[in-house]
Amino acid sequence: MAHNPQAPQGPEGYDPAGSTQMFRAFVDEGDPQHGGRAAAAPASAGPRVGLIVGIVAAVAIVGAVVWLALG
């Protein structure tokens, strides 16, 4: 990274915005049973099934429109 002489100078490791400290606080707050880390939510099959049904319905509708237009 380029040196910016106009940037505020502070001790090494100092984060003037506090974003690193905020991120660490966010990561560390979690379920103590999982070592302080929040468990990832399992993926549900609901949205995937809806997407597949929607695609099948769209293909059927387009097929019906083409069949009626050409028939």
PDB file of N, CA and C in Angstrom:
ATOM      1  N   MET A   1       0.832  -1.186   0.000  1.00  0.00           N
ATOM      2  CA  MET A   1       0.000   0.000   0.000  1.00  0.00           C
ATOM      3  C   MET A   1       0.872   1.243   0.000  1.00  0.00           C
ATOM      4  N   ALA A   2       0.395   2.286  -0.613  1.00  0.00           N
ATOM      5  CA  ALA A   2       1.133   3.538  -0.653  1.00  0.00           C
ATOM      6  C   ALA A   2       1.021   4.250   0.686  1.00  0.00           C
ATOM      7  N   HIS A   3       2.078   4.942   1.028  1.00  0.00           N
ATOM      8  CA  HIS A   3       2.077   5.706   2.279  1.00  0.00           C
ATOM      9  C   HIS A   3       1.339   7.015   2.066  1.00  0.00           C
ATOM     10  N   ASN A   4       0.417   7.333   2.959  1.00  0.00           N
ATOM     11  CA  ASN A   4      -0.352   8.573   2.882  1.00  0.00           C
ATOM     12  C   ASN A   4       0.096   9.474   4.028  1.00  0.00           C
ATOM     13  N   PRO A   5       0.865  10.522   3.722  1.00  0.00           N
ATOM     14  CA  PRO A   5       1.359  11.372   4.811  1.00  0.00           C
ATOM     15  C   PRO A   5       0.269  12.166   5.497  1.00  0.00           C
ATOM     16  N   GLN A   6      -0.910  12.319   4.884  1.00  0.00           N
ATOM     17  CA  GLN A   6      -1.989  13.089   5.498  1.00  0.00           C
ATOM     18  C   GLN A   6      -2.884  12.222   6.376  1.00  0.00           C
ATOM     19  N   ALA A   7      -2.706  10.909   6.330  1.00  0.00           N
ATOM     20  CA  ALA A   7      -3.517  10.014   7.140  1.00  0.00           C
ATOM     21  C   ALA A   7      -3.119  10.151   8.603  1.00  0.00           C
ATOM     22  N   PRO A   8      -4.077  10.021   9.507  1.00  0.00           N
ATOM     23  CA  PRO A   8      -3.727  10.115  10.928  1.00  0.00           C
ATOM     24  C   PRO A   8      -2.788   8.982  11.322  1.00  0.00           C
ATOM     25  N   GLN A   9      -1.761   9.350  12.058  1.00  0.00           N
ATOM     26  CA  GLN A   9      -0.772   8.370  12.484  1.00  0.00           C
ATOM     27  C   GLN A   9      -1.098   7.920  13.906  1.00  0.00           C
ATOM     28  N   GLY A  10      -1.083   6.628  14.113  1.00  0.00           N
ATOM     29  CA  GLY A  10      -1.373   6.099  15.436  1.00  0.00           C
ATOM     30  C   GLY A  10      -0.473   4.911  15.720  1.00  0.00           C
ATOM     31  N   PRO A  11      -0.625   4.318  16.884  1.00  0.00           N
ATOM     32  CA  PRO A  11       0.202   3.158  17.204  1.00  0.00           C
ATOM     33  C   PRO A  11      -0.091   1.992  16.258  1.00  0.00           C
ATOM     34  N   GLU A  12       0.870   1.109  16.124  1.00  0.00           N
ATOM     35  CA  GLU A  12       0.719  -0.061  15.243  1.00  0.00           C
ATOM     36  C   GLU A  12      -0.464  -0.905  15.702  1.00  0.00           C
ATOM     37  N   GLY A  13      -1.319  -1.294  14.768  1.00  0.00           N
ATOM     38  CA  GLY A  13      -2.480  -2.107  15.101  1.00  0.00           C
ATOM     39  C   GLY A  13      -3.691  -1.302  15.518  1.00  0.00           C
ATOM     40  N   TYR A  14      -3.588   0.009  15.534  1.00  0.00           N
ATOM     41  CA  TYR A  14      -4.706   0.859  15.931  1.00  0.00           C
ATOM     42  C   TYR A  14      -5.675   0.992  14.765  1.00  0.00           C
ATOM     43  N   ASP A  15      -6.939   0.765  15.035  1.00  0.00           N
ATOM     44  CA  ASP A  15      -7.986   0.866  14.010  1.00  0.00           C
ATOM     45  C   ASP A  15      -8.842   2.080  14.346  1.00  0.00           C
ATOM     46  N   PRO A  16      -8.641   3.227  13.669  1.00  0.00           N
ATOM     47  CA  PRO A  16      -9.365   4.437  14.050  1.00  0.00           C
ATOM     48  C   PRO A  16     -10.875   4.314  13.879  1.00  0.00           C
ATOM     49  N   ALA A  17     -11.332   3.500  12.925  1.00  0.00           N
ATOM     50  CA  ALA A  17     -12.774   3.353  12.721  1.00  0.00           C
ATOM     51  C   ALA A  17     -13.372   2.326  13.673  1.00  0.00           C
ATOM     52  N   GLY A  18     -12.547   1.481  14.232  1.00  0.00           N
ATOM     53  CA  GLY A  18     -13.048   0.469  15.150  1.00  0.00           C
ATOM     54  C   GLY A  18     -13.705  -0.704  14.446  1.00  0.00           C
ATOM     55  N   SER A  19     -13.545  -0.811  13.127  1.00  0.00           N
ATOM     56  CA  SER A  19     -14.247  -1.867  12.398  1.00  0.00           C
ATOM     57  C   SER A  19     -13.716  -3.252  12.770  1.00  0.00           C
ATOM     58  N   THR A  20     -12.424  -3.362  13.004  1.00  0.00           N
ATOM     59  CA  THR A  20     -11.871  -4.661  13.371  1.00  0.00           C
ATOM     60  C   THR A  20     -12.409  -5.098  14.722  1.00  0.00           C
ATOM     61  N   GLN A  21     -12.457  -4.175  15.673  1.00  0.00           N
ATOM     62  CA  GLN A  21     -12.980  -4.519  16.987  1.00  0.00           C
ATOM     63  C   GLN A  21     -14.453  -4.889  16.914  1.00  0.00           C
ATOM     64  N   MET A  22     -15.207  -4.159  16.099  1.00  0.00           N
ATOM     65  CA  MET A  22     -16.635  -4.458  15.954  1.00  0.00           C
ATOM     66  C   MET A  22     -16.836  -5.836  15.319  1.00  0.00           C
ATOM     67  N   PHE A  23     -16.017  -6.164  14.310  1.00  0.00           N
ATOM     68  CA  PHE A  23     -16.128  -7.458  13.652  1.00  0.00           C
ATOM     69  C   PHE A  23     -15.800  -8.580  14.626  1.00  0.00           C
ATOM     70  N   ARG A  24     -14.746  -8.411  15.394  1.00  0.00           N
ATOM     71  CA  ARG A  24     -14.372  -9.454  16.355  1.00  0.00           C
ATOM     72  C   ARG A  24     -15.456  -9.632  17.413  1.00  0.00           C
ATOM     73  N   ALA A  25     -16.068  -8.532  17.851  1.00  0.00           N
ATOM     74  CA  ALA A  25     -17.154  -8.634  18.825  1.00  0.00           C
ATOM     75  C   ALA A  25     -18.342  -9.371  18.217  1.00  0.00           C
ATOM     76  N   PHE A  26     -18.622  -9.119  16.934  1.00  0.00           N
ATOM     77  CA  PHE A  26     -19.727  -9.789  16.260  1.00  0.00           C
ATOM     78  C   PHE A  26     -19.450 -11.282  16.122  1.00  0.00           C
ATOM     79  N   VAL A  27     -18.234 -11.635  15.740  1.00  0.00           N
ATOM     80  CA  VAL A  27     -17.894 -13.044  15.553  1.00  0.00           C
ATOM     81  C   VAL A  27     -17.872 -13.769  16.888  1.00  0.00           C
ATOM     82  N   ASP A  28     -17.342 -13.106  17.916  1.00  0.00           N
ATOM     83  CA  ASP A  28     -17.214 -13.767  19.214  1.00  0.00           C
ATOM     84  C   ASP A  28     -18.543 -13.933  19.922  1.00  0.00           C
ATOM     85  N   GLU A  29     -19.526 -13.087  19.614  1.00  0.00           N
ATOM     86  CA  GLU A  29     -20.823 -13.251  20.257  1.00  0.00           C
ATOM     87  C   GLU A  29     -21.542 -14.365  19.522  1.00  0.00           C
ATOM     88  N   GLY A  30     -21.906 -15.364  20.223  1.00  0.00           N
ATOM     89  CA  GLY A  30     -22.539 -16.516  19.600  1.00  0.00           C
ATOM     90  C   GLY A  30     -22.905 -17.510  20.671  1.00  0.00           C
ATOM     91  N   ASP A  31     -23.239 -18.667  20.247  1.00  0.00           N
ATOM     92  CA  ASP A  31     -23.633 -19.727  21.163  1.00  0.00           C
ATOM     93  C   ASP A  31     -22.400 -20.272  21.865  1.00  0.00           C
ATOM     94  N   PRO A  32     -22.341 -20.202  23.196  1.00  0.00           N
ATOM     95  CA  PRO A  32     -21.161 -20.703  23.896  1.00  0.00           C
ATOM     96  C   PRO A  32     -20.964 -22.206  23.715  1.00  0.00           C
ATOM     97  N   GLN A  33     -22.000 -22.932  23.338  1.00  0.00           N
ATOM     98  CA  GLN A  33     -21.862 -24.376  23.138  1.00  0.00           C
ATOM     99  C   GLN A  33     -21.020 -24.691  21.910  1.00  0.00           C
ATOM    100  N   HIS A  34     -20.895 -23.738  21.002  1.00  0.00           N
ATOM    101  CA  HIS A  34     -20.136 -23.967  19.778  1.00  0.00           C
ATOM    102  C   HIS A  34     -18.832 -23.179  19.790  1.00  0.00           C
ATOM    103  N   GLY A  35     -18.246 -23.026  20.937  1.00  0.00           N
ATOM    104  CA  GLY A  35     -16.970 -22.338  21.025  1.00  0.00           C
ATOM    105  C   GLY A  35     -17.044 -20.852  20.731  1.00  0.00           C
ATOM    106  N   GLY A  36     -18.194 -20.220  20.973  1.00  0.00           N
ATOM    107  CA  GLY A  36     -18.332 -18.798  20.750  1.00  0.00           C
ATOM    108  C   GLY A  36     -18.646 -18.436  19.310  1.00  0.00           C
ATOM    109  N   ARG A  37     -18.825 -19.410  18.485  1.00  0.00           N
ATOM    110  CA  ARG A  37     -19.136 -19.141  17.073  1.00  0.00           C
ATOM    111  C   ARG A  37     -20.582 -19.502  16.806  1.00  0.00           C
ATOM    112  N   ALA A  38     -21.233 -18.681  16.026  1.00  0.00           N
ATOM    113  CA  ALA A  38     -22.626 -18.936  15.674  1.00  0.00           C
ATOM    114  C   ALA A  38     -22.684 -20.079  14.671  1.00  0.00           C
ATOM    115  N   ALA A  39     -23.615 -20.996  14.861  1.00  0.00           N
ATOM    116  CA  ALA A  39     -23.768 -22.130  13.957  1.00  0.00           C
ATOM    117  C   ALA A  39     -24.490 -21.684  12.695  1.00  0.00           C
ATOM    118  N   ALA A  40     -24.076 -22.235  11.575  1.00  0.00           N
ATOM    119  CA  ALA A  40     -24.723 -21.913  10.306  1.00  0.00           C
ATOM    120  C   ALA A  40     -26.080 -22.604  10.244  1.00  0.00           C
ATOM    121  N   ALA A  41     -27.059 -21.899   9.723  1.00  0.00           N
ATOM    122  CA  ALA A  41     -28.396 -22.465   9.608  1.00  0.00           C
ATOM    123  C   ALA A  41     -28.412 -23.491   8.479  1.00  0.00           C
ATOM    124  N   PRO A  42     -29.065 -24.634   8.687  1.00  0.00           N
ATOM    125  CA  PRO A  42     -29.126 -25.629   7.622  1.00  0.00           C
ATOM    126  C   PRO A  42     -29.969 -25.119   6.463  1.00  0.00           C
ATOM    127  N   ALA A  43     -29.573 -25.491   5.266  1.00  0.00           N
ATOM    128  CA  ALA A  43     -30.307 -25.057   4.073  1.00  0.00           C
ATOM    129  C   ALA A  43     -31.614 -25.835   3.994  1.00  0.00           C
ATOM    130  N   SER A  44     -32.696 -25.113   3.750  1.00  0.00           N
ATOM    131  CA  SER A  44     -33.992 -25.777   3.634  1.00  0.00           C
ATOM    132  C   SER A  44     -34.274 -26.084   2.178  1.00  0.00           C
ATOM    133  N   ALA A  45     -35.080 -27.098   1.941  1.00  0.00           N
ATOM    134  CA  ALA A  45     -35.401 -27.509   0.583  1.00  0.00           C
ATOM    135  C   ALA A  45     -36.583 -26.719   0.021  1.00  0.00           C
ATOM    136  N   GLY A  46     -37.277 -25.936   0.825  1.00  0.00           N
ATOM    137  CA  GLY A  46     -38.457 -25.202   0.392  1.00  0.00           C
ATOM    138  C   GLY A  46     -38.231 -24.293  -0.806  1.00  0.00           C
ATOM    139  N   PRO A  47     -37.288 -23.359  -0.728  1.00  0.00           N
ATOM    140  CA  PRO A  47     -37.076 -22.460  -1.858  1.00  0.00           C
ATOM    141  C   PRO A  47     -36.615 -23.197  -3.117  1.00  0.00           C
ATOM    142  N   ARG A  48     -35.828 -24.250  -2.956  1.00  0.00           N
ATOM    143  CA  ARG A  48     -35.336 -24.987  -4.119  1.00  0.00           C
ATOM    144  C   ARG A  48     -36.489 -25.683  -4.834  1.00  0.00           C
ATOM    145  N   VAL A  49     -37.412 -26.274  -4.076  1.00  0.00           N
ATOM    146  CA  VAL A  49     -38.557 -26.956  -4.681  1.00  0.00           C
ATOM    147  C   VAL A  49     -39.440 -25.937  -5.400  1.00  0.00           C
ATOM    148  N   GLY A  50     -39.641 -24.794  -4.792  1.00  0.00           N
ATOM    149  CA  GLY A  50     -40.442 -23.747  -5.419  1.00  0.00           C
ATOM    150  C   GLY A  50     -39.822 -23.255  -6.714  1.00  0.00           C
ATOM    151  N   LEU A  51     -38.513 -23.142  -6.737  1.00  0.00           N
ATOM    152  CA  LEU A  51     -37.821 -22.713  -7.951  1.00  0.00           C
ATOM    153  C   LEU A  51     -37.999 -23.742  -9.068  1.00  0.00           C
ATOM    154  N   ILE A  52     -37.851 -25.003  -8.741  1.00  0.00           N
ATOM    155  CA  ILE A  52     -38.012 -26.058  -9.745  1.00  0.00           C
ATOM    156  C   ILE A  52     -39.433 -26.076 -10.279  1.00  0.00           C
ATOM    157  N   VAL A  53     -40.421 -25.978  -9.396  1.00  0.00           N
ATOM    158  CA  VAL A  53     -41.825 -25.964  -9.830  1.00  0.00           C
ATOM    159  C   VAL A  53     -42.089 -24.746 -10.721  1.00  0.00           C
ATOM    160  N   GLY A  54     -41.534 -23.608 -10.373  1.00  0.00           N
ATOM    161  CA  GLY A  54     -41.710 -22.405 -11.177  1.00  0.00           C
ATOM    162  C   GLY A  54     -41.107 -22.543 -12.562  1.00  0.00           C
ATOM    163  N   ILE A  55     -39.928 -23.136 -12.650  1.00  0.00           N
ATOM    164  CA  ILE A  55     -39.287 -23.334 -13.948  1.00  0.00           C
ATOM    165  C   ILE A  55     -40.092 -24.300 -14.806  1.00  0.00           C
ATOM    166  N   VAL A  56     -40.559 -25.403 -14.205  1.00  0.00           N
ATOM    167  CA  VAL A  56     -41.369 -26.373 -14.948  1.00  0.00           C
ATOM    168  C   VAL A  56     -42.655 -25.710 -15.444  1.00  0.00           C
ATOM    169  N   ALA A  57     -43.301 -24.910 -14.606  1.00  0.00           N
ATOM    170  CA  ALA A  57     -44.533 -24.228 -15.007  1.00  0.00           C
ATOM    171  C   ALA A  57     -44.262 -23.240 -16.147  1.00  0.00           C
ATOM    172  N   ALA A  58     -43.159 -22.502 -16.075  1.00  0.00           N
ATOM    173  CA  ALA A  58     -42.817 -21.539 -17.130  1.00  0.00           C
ATOM    174  C   ALA A  58     -42.569 -22.252 -18.452  1.00  0.00           C
ATOM    175  N   VAL A  59     -41.854 -23.374 -18.412  1.00  0.00           N
ATOM    176  CA  VAL A  59     -41.595 -24.136 -19.636  1.00  0.00           C
ATOM    177  C   VAL A  59     -42.903 -24.670 -20.206  1.00  0.00           C
ATOM    178  N   ALA A  60     -43.803 -25.144 -19.354  1.00  0.00           N
ATOM    179  CA  ALA A  60     -45.094 -25.666 -19.820  1.00  0.00           C
ATOM    180  C   ALA A  60     -45.927 -24.554 -20.460  1.00  0.00           C
ATOM    181  N   ILE A  61     -45.914 -23.373 -19.866  1.00  0.00           N
ATOM    182  CA  ILE A  61     -46.687 -22.252 -20.416  1.00  0.00           C
ATOM    183  C   ILE A  61     -46.130 -21.817 -21.768  1.00  0.00           C
ATOM    184  N   VAL A  62     -44.795 -21.702 -21.848  1.00  0.00           N
ATOM    185  CA  VAL A  62     -44.171 -21.321 -23.118  1.00  0.00           C
ATOM    186  C   VAL A  62     -44.451 -22.385 -24.179  1.00  0.00           C
ATOM    187  N   GLY A  63     -44.386 -23.650 -23.795  1.00  0.00           N
ATOM    188  CA  GLY A  63     -44.689 -24.725 -24.734  1.00  0.00           C
ATOM    189  C   GLY A  63     -46.122 -24.666 -25.223  1.00  0.00           C
ATOM    190  N   ALA A  64     -47.055 -24.374 -24.317  1.00  0.00           N
ATOM    191  CA  ALA A  64     -48.466 -24.276 -24.702  1.00  0.00           C
ATOM    192  C   ALA A  64     -48.692 -23.098 -25.646  1.00  0.00           C
ATOM    193  N   VAL A  65     -48.044 -21.974 -25.378  1.00  0.00           N
ATOM    194  CA  VAL A  65     -48.198 -20.805 -26.249  1.00  0.00           C
ATOM    195  C   VAL A  65     -47.626 -21.102 -27.640  1.00  0.00           C
ATOM    196  N   VAL A  66     -46.478 -21.734 -27.696  1.00  0.00           N
ATOM    197  CA  VAL A  66     -45.887 -22.089 -29.000  1.00  0.00           C
ATOM    198  C   VAL A  66     -46.790 -23.079 -29.730  1.00  0.00           C
ATOM    199  N   TRP A  67     -47.310 -24.071 -29.014  1.00  0.00           N
ATOM    200  CA  TRP A  67     -48.192 -25.080 -29.633  1.00  0.00           C
ATOM    201  C   TRP A  67     -49.456 -24.423 -30.205  1.00  0.00           C
ATOM    202  N   LEU A  68     -50.035 -23.480 -29.426  1.00  0.00           N
ATOM    203  CA  LEU A  68     -51.232 -22.789 -29.924  1.00  0.00           C
ATOM    204  C   LEU A  68     -50.909 -21.869 -31.098  1.00  0.00           C
ATOM    205  N   ALA A  69     -49.726 -21.235 -31.078  1.00  0.00           N
ATOM    206  CA  ALA A  69     -49.363 -20.320 -32.158  1.00  0.00           C
ATOM    207  C   ALA A  69     -49.089 -21.074 -33.464  1.00  0.00           C
ATOM    208  N   LEU A  70     -48.506 -22.250 -33.355  1.00  0.00           N
ATOM    209  CA  LEU A  70     -48.163 -23.011 -34.554  1.00  0.00           C
ATOM    210  C   LEU A  70     -49.273 -23.966 -34.980  1.00  0.00           C
ATOM    211  N   GLY A  71     -50.196 -24.253 -34.087  1.00  0.00           N
ATOM    212  CA  GLY A  71     -51.218 -25.256 -34.383  1.00  0.00           C
ATOM    213  C   GLY A  71     -52.441 -24.770 -35.032  1.00  0.00           C
TER     214      GLY A  71
END
